[in-house]
Amino acid sequence: AECHLVIIDQDPACDDPLLEAVKVRPGPFASVVIWNRPADGAQRR
């Protein structure tokens, strides 16, 4: 199948070199995106 990856619940204040490496070399994934943890109701919507 065509696989897509979403890395969820991330702390926006922390840069993670592993996640950045996965974005650069996504391997089996057709797309990779990172979503930060929502801080309030507006971000959650």
PDB file of all heavy atoms in Angstrom:
ATOM      1  N   ALA A   1       0.857  -1.187   0.000  1.00  0.00           N
ATOM      2  CA  ALA A   1       0.000   0.000   0.000  1.00  0.00           C
ATOM      3  C   ALA A   1       0.890   1.233   0.000  1.00  0.00           C
ATOM      4  O   ALA A   1       2.086   1.165   0.304  1.00  0.00           O
ATOM      5  CB  ALA A   1      -0.922   0.010   1.229  1.00  0.00           C
ATOM      6  N   GLU A   2       0.288   2.368  -0.343  1.00  0.00           N
ATOM      7  CA  GLU A   2       0.988   3.643  -0.226  1.00  0.00           C
ATOM      8  C   GLU A   2       0.813   4.132   1.206  1.00  0.00           C
ATOM      9  O   GLU A   2      -0.309   4.369   1.660  1.00  0.00           O
ATOM     10  CB  GLU A   2       0.400   4.653  -1.216  1.00  0.00           C
ATOM     11  CG  GLU A   2       1.074   6.012  -1.167  1.00  0.00           C
ATOM     12  CD  GLU A   2       0.421   7.012  -2.102  1.00  0.00           C
ATOM     13  OE1 GLU A   2       0.734   6.987  -3.306  1.00  0.00           O
ATOM     14  OE2 GLU A   2      -0.433   7.797  -1.620  1.00  0.00           O
ATOM     15  N   CYS A   3       1.929   4.279   1.917  1.00  0.00           N
ATOM     16  CA  CYS A   3       1.872   4.576   3.346  1.00  0.00           C
ATOM     17  C   CYS A   3       2.248   6.029   3.621  1.00  0.00           C
ATOM     18  O   CYS A   3       3.174   6.569   3.007  1.00  0.00           O
ATOM     19  CB  CYS A   3       2.806   3.643   4.109  1.00  0.00           C
ATOM     20  SG  CYS A   3       2.385   1.894   3.944  1.00  0.00           S
ATOM     21  N   HIS A   4       1.540   6.632   4.567  1.00  0.00           N
ATOM     22  CA  HIS A   4       1.774   8.016   4.964  1.00  0.00           C
ATOM     23  C   HIS A   4       1.939   8.061   6.479  1.00  0.00           C
ATOM     24  O   HIS A   4       1.242   7.355   7.213  1.00  0.00           O
ATOM     25  CB  HIS A   4       0.609   8.906   4.525  1.00  0.00           C
ATOM     26  CG  HIS A   4       0.408   8.919   3.042  1.00  0.00           C
ATOM     27  ND1 HIS A   4       0.921   9.906   2.225  1.00  0.00           N
ATOM     28  CD2 HIS A   4      -0.244   8.047   2.217  1.00  0.00           C
ATOM     29  CE1 HIS A   4       0.585   9.653   0.963  1.00  0.00           C
ATOM     30  NE2 HIS A   4      -0.110   8.530   0.941  1.00  0.00           N
ATOM     31  N   LEU A   5       2.851   8.913   6.935  1.00  0.00           N
ATOM     32  CA  LEU A   5       3.186   8.997   8.353  1.00  0.00           C
ATOM     33  C   LEU A   5       2.863  10.385   8.890  1.00  0.00           C
ATOM     34  O   LEU A   5       3.252  11.395   8.292  1.00  0.00           O
ATOM     35  CB  LEU A   5       4.675   8.709   8.558  1.00  0.00           C
ATOM     36  CG  LEU A   5       5.252   8.934   9.963  1.00  0.00           C
ATOM     37  CD1 LEU A   5       4.644   7.948  10.964  1.00  0.00           C
ATOM     38  CD2 LEU A   5       6.772   8.802   9.945  1.00  0.00           C
ATOM     39  N   VAL A   6       2.169  10.414  10.030  1.00  0.00           N
ATOM     40  CA  VAL A   6       1.958  11.656  10.773  1.00  0.00           C
ATOM     41  C   VAL A   6       2.498  11.449  12.180  1.00  0.00           C
ATOM     42  O   VAL A   6       2.041  10.553  12.902  1.00  0.00           O
ATOM     43  CB  VAL A   6       0.474  12.061  10.829  1.00  0.00           C
ATOM     44  CG1 VAL A   6       0.328  13.364  11.608  1.00  0.00           C
ATOM     45  CG2 VAL A   6      -0.103  12.218   9.433  1.00  0.00           C
ATOM     46  N   ILE A   7       3.485  12.236  12.558  1.00  0.00           N
ATOM     47  CA  ILE A   7       4.044  12.188  13.901  1.00  0.00           C
ATOM     48  C   ILE A   7       3.296  13.214  14.740  1.00  0.00           C
ATOM     49  O   ILE A   7       3.348  14.411  14.469  1.00  0.00           O
ATOM     50  CB  ILE A   7       5.551  12.474  13.869  1.00  0.00           C
ATOM     51  CG1 ILE A   7       6.255  11.433  12.993  1.00  0.00           C
ATOM     52  CG2 ILE A   7       6.125  12.455  15.281  1.00  0.00           C
ATOM     53  CD1 ILE A   7       7.681  11.753  12.673  1.00  0.00           C
ATOM     54  N   ILE A   8       2.548  12.738  15.722  1.00  0.00           N
ATOM     55  CA  ILE A   8       1.603  13.576  16.453  1.00  0.00           C
ATOM     56  C   ILE A   8       2.099  13.879  17.866  1.00  0.00           C
ATOM     57  O   ILE A   8       3.055  13.273  18.356  1.00  0.00           O
ATOM     58  CB  ILE A   8       0.213  12.896  16.526  1.00  0.00           C
ATOM     59  CG1 ILE A   8       0.309  11.549  17.265  1.00  0.00           C
ATOM     60  CG2 ILE A   8      -0.378  12.710  15.135  1.00  0.00           C
ATOM     61  CD1 ILE A   8      -1.027  10.864  17.495  1.00  0.00           C
ATOM     62  N   ASP A   9       1.424  14.844  18.512  1.00  0.00           N
ATOM     63  CA  ASP A   9       1.620  15.142  19.933  1.00  0.00           C
ATOM     64  C   ASP A   9       3.054  15.550  20.247  1.00  0.00           C
ATOM     65  O   ASP A   9       3.624  15.149  21.259  1.00  0.00           O
ATOM     66  CB  ASP A   9       1.212  13.938  20.783  1.00  0.00           C
ATOM     67  CG  ASP A   9       1.086  14.285  22.272  1.00  0.00           C
ATOM     68  OD1 ASP A   9       0.601  15.383  22.565  1.00  0.00           O
ATOM     69  OD2 ASP A   9       1.492  13.455  23.106  1.00  0.00           O
ATOM     70  N   GLN A  10       3.663  16.360  19.397  1.00  0.00           N
ATOM     71  CA  GLN A  10       5.048  16.775  19.609  1.00  0.00           C
ATOM     72  C   GLN A  10       5.123  18.118  20.335  1.00  0.00           C
ATOM     73  O   GLN A  10       4.258  18.978  20.157  1.00  0.00           O
ATOM     74  CB  GLN A  10       5.784  16.855  18.273  1.00  0.00           C
ATOM     75  CG  GLN A  10       5.855  15.525  17.546  1.00  0.00           C
ATOM     76  CD  GLN A  10       6.442  14.419  18.403  1.00  0.00           C
ATOM     77  OE1 GLN A  10       7.598  14.492  18.818  1.00  0.00           O
ATOM     78  NE2 GLN A  10       5.647  13.388  18.682  1.00  0.00           N
ATOM     79  N   ASP A  11       6.158  18.283  21.128  1.00  0.00           N
ATOM     80  CA  ASP A  11       6.407  19.526  21.844  1.00  0.00           C
ATOM     81  C   ASP A  11       7.039  20.526  20.878  1.00  0.00           C
ATOM     82  O   ASP A  11       8.143  20.271  20.369  1.00  0.00           O
ATOM     83  CB  ASP A  11       7.340  19.263  23.023  1.00  0.00           C
ATOM     84  CG  ASP A  11       7.569  20.488  23.893  1.00  0.00           C
ATOM     85  OD1 ASP A  11       7.175  21.602  23.486  1.00  0.00           O
ATOM     86  OD2 ASP A  11       8.143  20.333  24.987  1.00  0.00           O
ATOM     87  N   PRO A  12       6.386  21.648  20.608  1.00  0.00           N
ATOM     88  CA  PRO A  12       6.937  22.602  19.634  1.00  0.00           C
ATOM     89  C   PRO A  12       8.252  23.219  20.074  1.00  0.00           C
ATOM     90  O   PRO A  12       9.000  23.755  19.252  1.00  0.00           O
ATOM     91  CB  PRO A  12       5.838  23.667  19.516  1.00  0.00           C
ATOM     92  CG  PRO A  12       5.048  23.547  20.779  1.00  0.00           C
ATOM     93  CD  PRO A  12       5.101  22.101  21.154  1.00  0.00           C
ATOM     94  N   ALA A  13       8.560  23.146  21.371  1.00  0.00           N
ATOM     95  CA  ALA A  13       9.801  23.752  21.879  1.00  0.00           C
ATOM     96  C   ALA A  13      11.005  22.829  21.727  1.00  0.00           C
ATOM     97  O   ALA A  13      12.131  23.253  21.978  1.00  0.00           O
ATOM     98  CB  ALA A  13       9.624  24.124  23.352  1.00  0.00           C
ATOM     99  N   CYS A  14      10.783  21.588  21.331  1.00  0.00           N
ATOM    100  CA  CYS A  14      11.875  20.610  21.257  1.00  0.00           C
ATOM    101  C   CYS A  14      12.120  20.182  19.814  1.00  0.00           C
ATOM    102  O   CYS A  14      11.210  19.636  19.168  1.00  0.00           O
ATOM    103  CB  CYS A  14      11.550  19.378  22.108  1.00  0.00           C
ATOM    104  SG  CYS A  14      11.421  19.725  23.875  1.00  0.00           S
ATOM    105  N   ASP A  15      13.315  20.439  19.330  1.00  0.00           N
ATOM    106  CA  ASP A  15      13.721  19.943  18.020  1.00  0.00           C
ATOM    107  C   ASP A  15      14.260  18.522  18.181  1.00  0.00           C
ATOM    108  O   ASP A  15      15.131  18.276  19.009  1.00  0.00           O
ATOM    109  CB  ASP A  15      14.801  20.837  17.410  1.00  0.00           C
ATOM    110  CG  ASP A  15      14.275  22.221  17.061  1.00  0.00           C
ATOM    111  OD1 ASP A  15      13.087  22.313  16.687  1.00  0.00           O
ATOM    112  OD2 ASP A  15      15.031  23.194  17.180  1.00  0.00           O
ATOM    113  N   ASP A  16      13.741  17.608  17.394  1.00  0.00           N
ATOM    114  CA  ASP A  16      14.141  16.211  17.495  1.00  0.00           C
ATOM    115  C   ASP A  16      14.898  15.813  16.231  1.00  0.00           C
ATOM    116  O   ASP A  16      14.300  15.726  15.157  1.00  0.00           O
ATOM    117  CB  ASP A  16      12.912  15.326  17.680  1.00  0.00           C
ATOM    118  CG  ASP A  16      13.260  13.917  18.088  1.00  0.00           C
ATOM    119  OD1 ASP A  16      14.236  13.376  17.542  1.00  0.00           O
ATOM    120  OD2 ASP A  16      12.567  13.345  18.953  1.00  0.00           O
ATOM    121  N   PRO A  17      16.203  15.550  16.324  1.00  0.00           N
ATOM    122  CA  PRO A  17      16.973  15.207  15.127  1.00  0.00           C
ATOM    123  C   PRO A  17      16.523  13.915  14.460  1.00  0.00           C
ATOM    124  O   PRO A  17      16.661  13.760  13.247  1.00  0.00           O
ATOM    125  CB  PRO A  17      18.416  15.104  15.635  1.00  0.00           C
ATOM    126  CG  PRO A  17      18.303  14.921  17.113  1.00  0.00           C
ATOM    127  CD  PRO A  17      17.053  15.637  17.522  1.00  0.00           C
ATOM    128  N   LEU A  18      15.975  12.968  15.245  1.00  0.00           N
ATOM    129  CA  LEU A  18      15.492  11.732  14.631  1.00  0.00           C
ATOM    130  C   LEU A  18      14.303  12.014  13.722  1.00  0.00           C
ATOM    131  O   LEU A  18      14.233  11.512  12.594  1.00  0.00           O
ATOM    132  CB  LEU A  18      15.093  10.719  15.711  1.00  0.00           C
ATOM    133  CG  LEU A  18      14.431   9.436  15.192  1.00  0.00           C
ATOM    134  CD1 LEU A  18      15.359   8.682  14.254  1.00  0.00           C
ATOM    135  CD2 LEU A  18      14.002   8.547  16.342  1.00  0.00           C
ATOM    136  N   LEU A  19      13.373  12.828  14.201  1.00  0.00           N
ATOM    137  CA  LEU A  19      12.197  13.135  13.383  1.00  0.00           C
ATOM    138  C   LEU A  19      12.595  13.916  12.139  1.00  0.00           C
ATOM    139  O   LEU A  19      12.022  13.716  11.061  1.00  0.00           O
ATOM    140  CB  LEU A  19      11.182  13.915  14.212  1.00  0.00           C
ATOM    141  CG  LEU A  19      10.687  13.223  15.497  1.00  0.00           C
ATOM    142  CD1 LEU A  19       9.558  14.024  16.120  1.00  0.00           C
ATOM    143  CD2 LEU A  19      10.274  11.789  15.231  1.00  0.00           C
ATOM    144  N   GLU A  20      13.566  14.786  12.281  1.00  0.00           N
ATOM    145  CA  GLU A  20      14.048  15.520  11.109  1.00  0.00           C
ATOM    146  C   GLU A  20      14.703  14.565  10.112  1.00  0.00           C
ATOM    147  O   GLU A  20      14.551  14.728   8.896  1.00  0.00           O
ATOM    148  CB  GLU A  20      15.036  16.608  11.539  1.00  0.00           C
ATOM    149  CG  GLU A  20      14.392  17.739  12.319  1.00  0.00           C
ATOM    150  CD  GLU A  20      13.248  18.400  11.561  1.00  0.00           C
ATOM    151  OE1 GLU A  20      13.404  18.651  10.339  1.00  0.00           O
ATOM    152  OE2 GLU A  20      12.197  18.658  12.174  1.00  0.00           O
ATOM    153  N   ALA A  21      15.422  13.569  10.621  1.00  0.00           N
ATOM    154  CA  ALA A  21      16.050  12.586   9.735  1.00  0.00           C
ATOM    155  C   ALA A  21      15.002  11.772   8.986  1.00  0.00           C
ATOM    156  O   ALA A  21      15.178  11.451   7.806  1.00  0.00           O
ATOM    157  CB  ALA A  21      16.958  11.661  10.548  1.00  0.00           C
ATOM    158  N   VAL A  22      13.908  11.450   9.667  1.00  0.00           N
ATOM    159  CA  VAL A  22      12.832  10.701   9.011  1.00  0.00           C
ATOM    160  C   VAL A  22      12.172  11.553   7.924  1.00  0.00           C
ATOM    161  O   VAL A  22      11.803  11.039   6.861  1.00  0.00           O
ATOM    162  CB  VAL A  22      11.799  10.229  10.051  1.00  0.00           C
ATOM    163  CG1 VAL A  22      10.581   9.611   9.373  1.00  0.00           C
ATOM    164  CG2 VAL A  22      12.426   9.224  11.008  1.00  0.00           C
ATOM    165  N   LYS A  23      12.038  12.842   8.172  1.00  0.00           N
ATOM    166  CA  LYS A  23      11.461  13.719   7.148  1.00  0.00           C
ATOM    167  C   LYS A  23      12.354  13.781   5.909  1.00  0.00           C
ATOM    168  O   LYS A  23      11.866  13.787   4.779  1.00  0.00           O
ATOM    169  CB  LYS A  23      11.247  15.123   7.708  1.00  0.00           C
ATOM    170  CG  LYS A  23      10.076  15.252   8.664  1.00  0.00           C
ATOM    171  CD  LYS A  23       9.875  16.676   9.119  1.00  0.00           C
ATOM    172  CE  LYS A  23       9.387  17.563   7.997  1.00  0.00           C
ATOM    173  NZ  LYS A  23       9.099  18.941   8.475  1.00  0.00           N
ATOM    174  N   VAL A  24      13.675  13.810   6.125  1.00  0.00           N
ATOM    175  CA  VAL A  24      14.614  13.876   4.999  1.00  0.00           C
ATOM    176  C   VAL A  24      14.685  12.540   4.263  1.00  0.00           C
ATOM    177  O   VAL A  24      14.732  12.499   3.027  1.00  0.00           O
ATOM    178  CB  VAL A  24      16.015  14.285   5.502  1.00  0.00           C
ATOM    179  CG1 VAL A  24      17.044  14.204   4.373  1.00  0.00           C
ATOM    180  CG2 VAL A  24      15.976  15.697   6.069  1.00  0.00           C
ATOM    181  N   ARG A  25      14.696  11.435   5.029  1.00  0.00           N
ATOM    182  CA  ARG A  25      14.740  10.091   4.443  1.00  0.00           C
ATOM    183  C   ARG A  25      13.503   9.327   4.906  1.00  0.00           C
ATOM    184  O   ARG A  25      13.545   8.592   5.889  1.00  0.00           O
ATOM    185  CB  ARG A  25      16.006   9.366   4.897  1.00  0.00           C
ATOM    186  CG  ARG A  25      17.297   9.907   4.303  1.00  0.00           C
ATOM    187  CD  ARG A  25      17.459   9.510   2.829  1.00  0.00           C
ATOM    188  NE  ARG A  25      17.492   8.064   2.672  1.00  0.00           N
ATOM    189  CZ  ARG A  25      18.611   7.339   2.753  1.00  0.00           C
ATOM    190  NH1 ARG A  25      19.769   7.923   3.006  1.00  0.00           N
ATOM    191  NH2 ARG A  25      18.573   6.040   2.584  1.00  0.00           N
ATOM    192  N   PRO A  26      12.362   9.512   4.245  1.00  0.00           N
ATOM    193  CA  PRO A  26      11.102   8.928   4.743  1.00  0.00           C
ATOM    194  C   PRO A  26      11.000   7.424   4.599  1.00  0.00           C
ATOM    195  O   PRO A  26      10.028   6.829   5.085  1.00  0.00           O
ATOM    196  CB  PRO A  26      10.041   9.635   3.898  1.00  0.00           C
ATOM    197  CG  PRO A  26      10.753  10.038   2.649  1.00  0.00           C
ATOM    198  CD  PRO A  26      12.162  10.344   3.057  1.00  0.00           C
ATOM    199  N   GLY A  27      11.978   6.784   3.945  1.00  0.00           N
ATOM    200  CA  GLY A  27      11.934   5.335   3.842  1.00  0.00           C
ATOM    201  C   GLY A  27      10.688   4.840   3.123  1.00  0.00           C
ATOM    202  O   GLY A  27      10.435   5.229   1.977  1.00  0.00           O
ATOM    203  N   PRO A  28       9.859   4.019   3.793  1.00  0.00           N
ATOM    204  CA  PRO A  28       8.696   3.434   3.121  1.00  0.00           C
ATOM    205  C   PRO A  28       7.494   4.375   3.006  1.00  0.00           C
ATOM    206  O   PRO A  28       6.466   3.976   2.460  1.00  0.00           O
ATOM    207  CB  PRO A  28       8.353   2.241   4.016  1.00  0.00           C
ATOM    208  CG  PRO A  28       8.775   2.683   5.385  1.00  0.00           C
ATOM    209  CD  PRO A  28      10.011   3.509   5.169  1.00  0.00           C
ATOM    210  N   PHE A  29       7.614   5.603   3.511  1.00  0.00           N
ATOM    211  CA  PHE A  29       6.473   6.504   3.538  1.00  0.00           C
ATOM    212  C   PHE A  29       6.474   7.461   2.350  1.00  0.00           C
ATOM    213  O   PHE A  29       7.512   8.040   1.999  1.00  0.00           O
ATOM    214  CB  PHE A  29       6.446   7.304   4.842  1.00  0.00           C
ATOM    215  CG  PHE A  29       6.234   6.448   6.063  1.00  0.00           C
ATOM    216  CD1 PHE A  29       7.274   6.195   6.941  1.00  0.00           C
ATOM    217  CD2 PHE A  29       4.998   5.868   6.304  1.00  0.00           C
ATOM    218  CE1 PHE A  29       7.081   5.387   8.053  1.00  0.00           C
ATOM    219  CE2 PHE A  29       4.792   5.051   7.413  1.00  0.00           C
ATOM    220  CZ  PHE A  29       5.836   4.811   8.284  1.00  0.00           C
ATOM    221  N   ALA A  30       5.297   7.621   1.760  1.00  0.00           N
ATOM    222  CA  ALA A  30       5.147   8.561   0.649  1.00  0.00           C
ATOM    223  C   ALA A  30       5.160  10.001   1.138  1.00  0.00           C
ATOM    224  O   ALA A  30       5.520  10.909   0.383  1.00  0.00           O
ATOM    225  CB  ALA A  30       3.844   8.275  -0.114  1.00  0.00           C
ATOM    226  N   SER A  31       4.775  10.216   2.399  1.00  0.00           N
ATOM    227  CA  SER A  31       4.805  11.556   2.980  1.00  0.00           C
ATOM    228  C   SER A  31       4.997  11.448   4.483  1.00  0.00           C
ATOM    229  O   SER A  31       4.585  10.463   5.105  1.00  0.00           O
ATOM    230  CB  SER A  31       3.523  12.330   2.671  1.00  0.00           C
ATOM    231  OG  SER A  31       2.414  11.780   3.376  1.00  0.00           O
ATOM    232  N   VAL A  32       5.639  12.465   5.049  1.00  0.00           N
ATOM    233  CA  VAL A  32       5.871  12.540   6.496  1.00  0.00           C
ATOM    234  C   VAL A  32       5.578  13.957   6.952  1.00  0.00           C
ATOM    235  O   VAL A  32       6.136  14.920   6.408  1.00  0.00           O
ATOM    236  CB  VAL A  32       7.332  12.183   6.866  1.00  0.00           C
ATOM    237  CG1 VAL A  32       7.552  12.353   8.373  1.00  0.00           C
ATOM    238  CG2 VAL A  32       7.671  10.762   6.439  1.00  0.00           C
ATOM    239  N   VAL A  33       4.692  14.102   7.935  1.00  0.00           N
ATOM    240  CA  VAL A  33       4.423  15.414   8.511  1.00  0.00           C
ATOM    241  C   VAL A  33       4.475  15.298  10.035  1.00  0.00           C
ATOM    242  O   VAL A  33       4.296  14.208  10.592  1.00  0.00           O
ATOM    243  CB  VAL A  33       3.053  15.999   8.083  1.00  0.00           C
ATOM    244  CG1 VAL A  33       3.029  16.260   6.590  1.00  0.00           C
ATOM    245  CG2 VAL A  33       1.918  15.066   8.490  1.00  0.00           C
ATOM    246  N   ILE A  34       4.772  16.416  10.689  1.00  0.00           N
ATOM    247  CA  ILE A  34       4.857  16.460  12.148  1.00  0.00           C
ATOM    248  C   ILE A  34       3.835  17.462  12.662  1.00  0.00           C
ATOM    249  O   ILE A  34       3.812  18.615  12.208  1.00  0.00           O
ATOM    250  CB  ILE A  34       6.272  16.865  12.606  1.00  0.00           C
ATOM    251  CG1 ILE A  34       7.297  15.838  12.108  1.00  0.00           C
ATOM    252  CG2 ILE A  34       6.331  16.976  14.126  1.00  0.00           C
ATOM    253  CD1 ILE A  34       8.740  16.213  12.409  1.00  0.00           C
ATOM    254  N   TRP A  35       2.978  17.022  13.574  1.00  0.00           N
ATOM    255  CA  TRP A  35       1.971  17.885  14.171  1.00  0.00           C
ATOM    256  C   TRP A  35       2.289  18.088  15.641  1.00  0.00           C
ATOM    257  O   TRP A  35       2.501  17.132  16.389  1.00  0.00           O
ATOM    258  CB  TRP A  35       0.579  17.277  14.045  1.00  0.00           C
ATOM    259  CG  TRP A  35       0.049  17.267  12.639  1.00  0.00           C
ATOM    260  CD1 TRP A  35       0.564  17.923  11.556  1.00  0.00           C
ATOM    261  CD2 TRP A  35      -1.096  16.551  12.156  1.00  0.00           C
ATOM    262  NE1 TRP A  35      -0.188  17.665  10.443  1.00  0.00           N
ATOM    263  CE2 TRP A  35      -1.212  16.836  10.780  1.00  0.00           C
ATOM    264  CE3 TRP A  35      -2.030  15.717  12.761  1.00  0.00           C
ATOM    265  CZ2 TRP A  35      -2.230  16.306   9.990  1.00  0.00           C
ATOM    266  CZ3 TRP A  35      -3.043  15.183  11.990  1.00  0.00           C
ATOM    267  CH2 TRP A  35      -3.145  15.479  10.618  1.00  0.00           C
ATOM    268  N   ASN A  36       2.302  19.346  16.059  1.00  0.00           N
ATOM    269  CA  ASN A  36       2.576  19.664  17.455  1.00  0.00           C
ATOM    270  C   ASN A  36       1.351  19.448  18.332  1.00  0.00           C
ATOM    271  O   ASN A  36       0.211  19.439  17.845  1.00  0.00           O
ATOM    272  CB  ASN A  36       3.041  21.110  17.588  1.00  0.00           C
ATOM    273  CG  ASN A  36       4.403  21.338  16.968  1.00  0.00           C
ATOM    274  OD1 ASN A  36       5.228  20.421  16.930  1.00  0.00           O
ATOM    275  ND2 ASN A  36       4.646  22.539  16.461  1.00  0.00           N
ATOM    276  N   ARG A  37       1.601  19.299  19.609  1.00  0.00           N
ATOM    277  CA  ARG A  37       0.530  19.146  20.593  1.00  0.00           C
ATOM    278  C   ARG A  37      -0.246  20.460  20.688  1.00  0.00           C
ATOM    279  O   ARG A  37       0.340  21.527  20.864  1.00  0.00           O
ATOM    280  CB  ARG A  37       1.146  18.811  21.949  1.00  0.00           C
ATOM    281  CG  ARG A  37       0.168  18.542  23.076  1.00  0.00           C
ATOM    282  CD  ARG A  37       0.934  18.260  24.354  1.00  0.00           C
ATOM    283  NE  ARG A  37       1.907  17.195  24.147  1.00  0.00           N
ATOM    284  CZ  ARG A  37       3.187  17.285  24.485  1.00  0.00           C
ATOM    285  NH1 ARG A  37       3.660  18.393  25.035  1.00  0.00           N
ATOM    286  NH2 ARG A  37       4.010  16.278  24.268  1.00  0.00           N
ATOM    287  N   PRO A  38      -1.585  20.442  20.534  1.00  0.00           N
ATOM    288  CA  PRO A  38      -2.355  21.692  20.615  1.00  0.00           C
ATOM    289  C   PRO A  38      -2.311  22.291  22.017  1.00  0.00           C
ATOM    290  O   PRO A  38      -2.469  21.573  23.011  1.00  0.00           O
ATOM    291  CB  PRO A  38      -3.775  21.266  20.229  1.00  0.00           C
ATOM    292  CG  PRO A  38      -3.838  19.795  20.505  1.00  0.00           C
ATOM    293  CD  PRO A  38      -2.454  19.270  20.258  1.00  0.00           C
ATOM    294  N   ALA A  39      -2.085  23.593  22.082  1.00  0.00           N
ATOM    295  CA  ALA A  39      -1.942  24.263  23.372  1.00  0.00           C
ATOM    296  C   ALA A  39      -3.257  24.814  23.900  1.00  0.00           C
ATOM    297  O   ALA A  39      -3.390  25.085  25.088  1.00  0.00           O
ATOM    298  CB  ALA A  39      -0.911  25.388  23.264  1.00  0.00           C
ATOM    299  N   ASP A  40      -4.243  24.994  23.031  1.00  0.00           N
ATOM    300  CA  ASP A  40      -5.513  25.569  23.467  1.00  0.00           C
ATOM    301  C   ASP A  40      -6.615  25.114  22.517  1.00  0.00           C
ATOM    302  O   ASP A  40      -6.381  24.360  21.560  1.00  0.00           O
ATOM    303  CB  ASP A  40      -5.438  27.103  23.514  1.00  0.00           C
ATOM    304  CG  ASP A  40      -4.914  27.708  22.212  1.00  0.00           C
ATOM    305  OD1 ASP A  40      -5.233  27.163  21.127  1.00  0.00           O
ATOM    306  OD2 ASP A  40      -4.200  28.726  22.260  1.00  0.00           O
ATOM    307  N   GLY A  41      -7.826  25.589  22.778  1.00  0.00           N
ATOM    308  CA  GLY A  41      -8.965  25.170  21.984  1.00  0.00           C
ATOM    309  C   GLY A  41      -8.863  25.577  20.523  1.00  0.00           C
ATOM    310  O   GLY A  41      -9.264  24.818  19.636  1.00  0.00           O
ATOM    311  N   ALA A  42      -8.310  26.750  20.258  1.00  0.00           N
ATOM    312  CA  ALA A  42      -8.179  27.213  18.877  1.00  0.00           C
ATOM    313  C   ALA A  42      -7.229  26.309  18.094  1.00  0.00           C
ATOM    314  O   ALA A  42      -7.514  25.928  16.943  1.00  0.00           O
ATOM    315  CB  ALA A  42      -7.686  28.663  18.852  1.00  0.00           C
ATOM    316  N   GLN A  43      -6.097  25.953  18.718  1.00  0.00           N
ATOM    317  CA  GLN A  43      -5.157  25.049  18.045  1.00  0.00           C
ATOM    318  C   GLN A  43      -5.752  23.660  17.866  1.00  0.00           C
ATOM    319  O   GLN A  43      -5.487  22.998  16.860  1.00  0.00           O
ATOM    320  CB  GLN A  43      -3.854  24.974  18.845  1.00  0.00           C
ATOM    321  CG  GLN A  43      -3.026  26.240  18.797  1.00  0.00           C
ATOM    322  CD  GLN A  43      -1.666  26.051  19.435  1.00  0.00           C
ATOM    323  OE1 GLN A  43      -1.233  24.929  19.710  1.00  0.00           O
ATOM    324  NE2 GLN A  43      -0.978  27.155  19.677  1.00  0.00           N
ATOM    325  N   ARG A  44      -6.566  23.237  18.831  1.00  0.00           N
ATOM    326  CA  ARG A  44      -7.186  21.920  18.712  1.00  0.00           C
ATOM    327  C   ARG A  44      -8.198  21.910  17.558  1.00  0.00           C
ATOM    328  O   ARG A  44      -8.266  20.945  16.786  1.00  0.00           O
ATOM    329  CB  ARG A  44      -7.868  21.542  20.028  1.00  0.00           C
ATOM    330  CG  ARG A  44      -8.376  20.106  20.048  1.00  0.00           C
ATOM    331  CD  ARG A  44      -8.674  19.646  21.462  1.00  0.00           C
ATOM    332  NE  ARG A  44      -9.599  20.511  22.147  1.00  0.00           N
ATOM    333  CZ  ARG A  44      -9.293  21.282  23.184  1.00  0.00           C
ATOM    334  NH1 ARG A  44      -8.056  21.291  23.650  1.00  0.00           N
ATOM    335  NH2 ARG A  44     -10.196  22.029  23.764  1.00  0.00           N
ATOM    336  N   ARG A  45      -8.968  22.964  17.403  1.00  0.00           N
ATOM    337  CA  ARG A  45      -9.913  23.037  16.282  1.00  0.00           C
ATOM    338  C   ARG A  45      -9.164  23.049  14.949  1.00  0.00           C
ATOM    339  O   ARG A  45      -9.605  22.419  13.980  1.00  0.00           O
ATOM    340  CB  ARG A  45     -10.804  24.283  16.422  1.00  0.00           C
ATOM    341  CG  ARG A  45     -11.826  24.175  17.543  1.00  0.00           C
ATOM    342  CD  ARG A  45     -12.825  25.312  17.499  1.00  0.00           C
ATOM    343  NE  ARG A  45     -12.196  26.611  17.787  1.00  0.00           N
ATOM    344  CZ  ARG A  45     -12.035  27.097  19.001  1.00  0.00           C
ATOM    345  NH1 ARG A  45     -12.434  26.404  20.069  1.00  0.00           N
ATOM    346  NH2 ARG A  45     -11.465  28.279  19.192  1.00  0.00           N
TER     347      ARG A  45
END
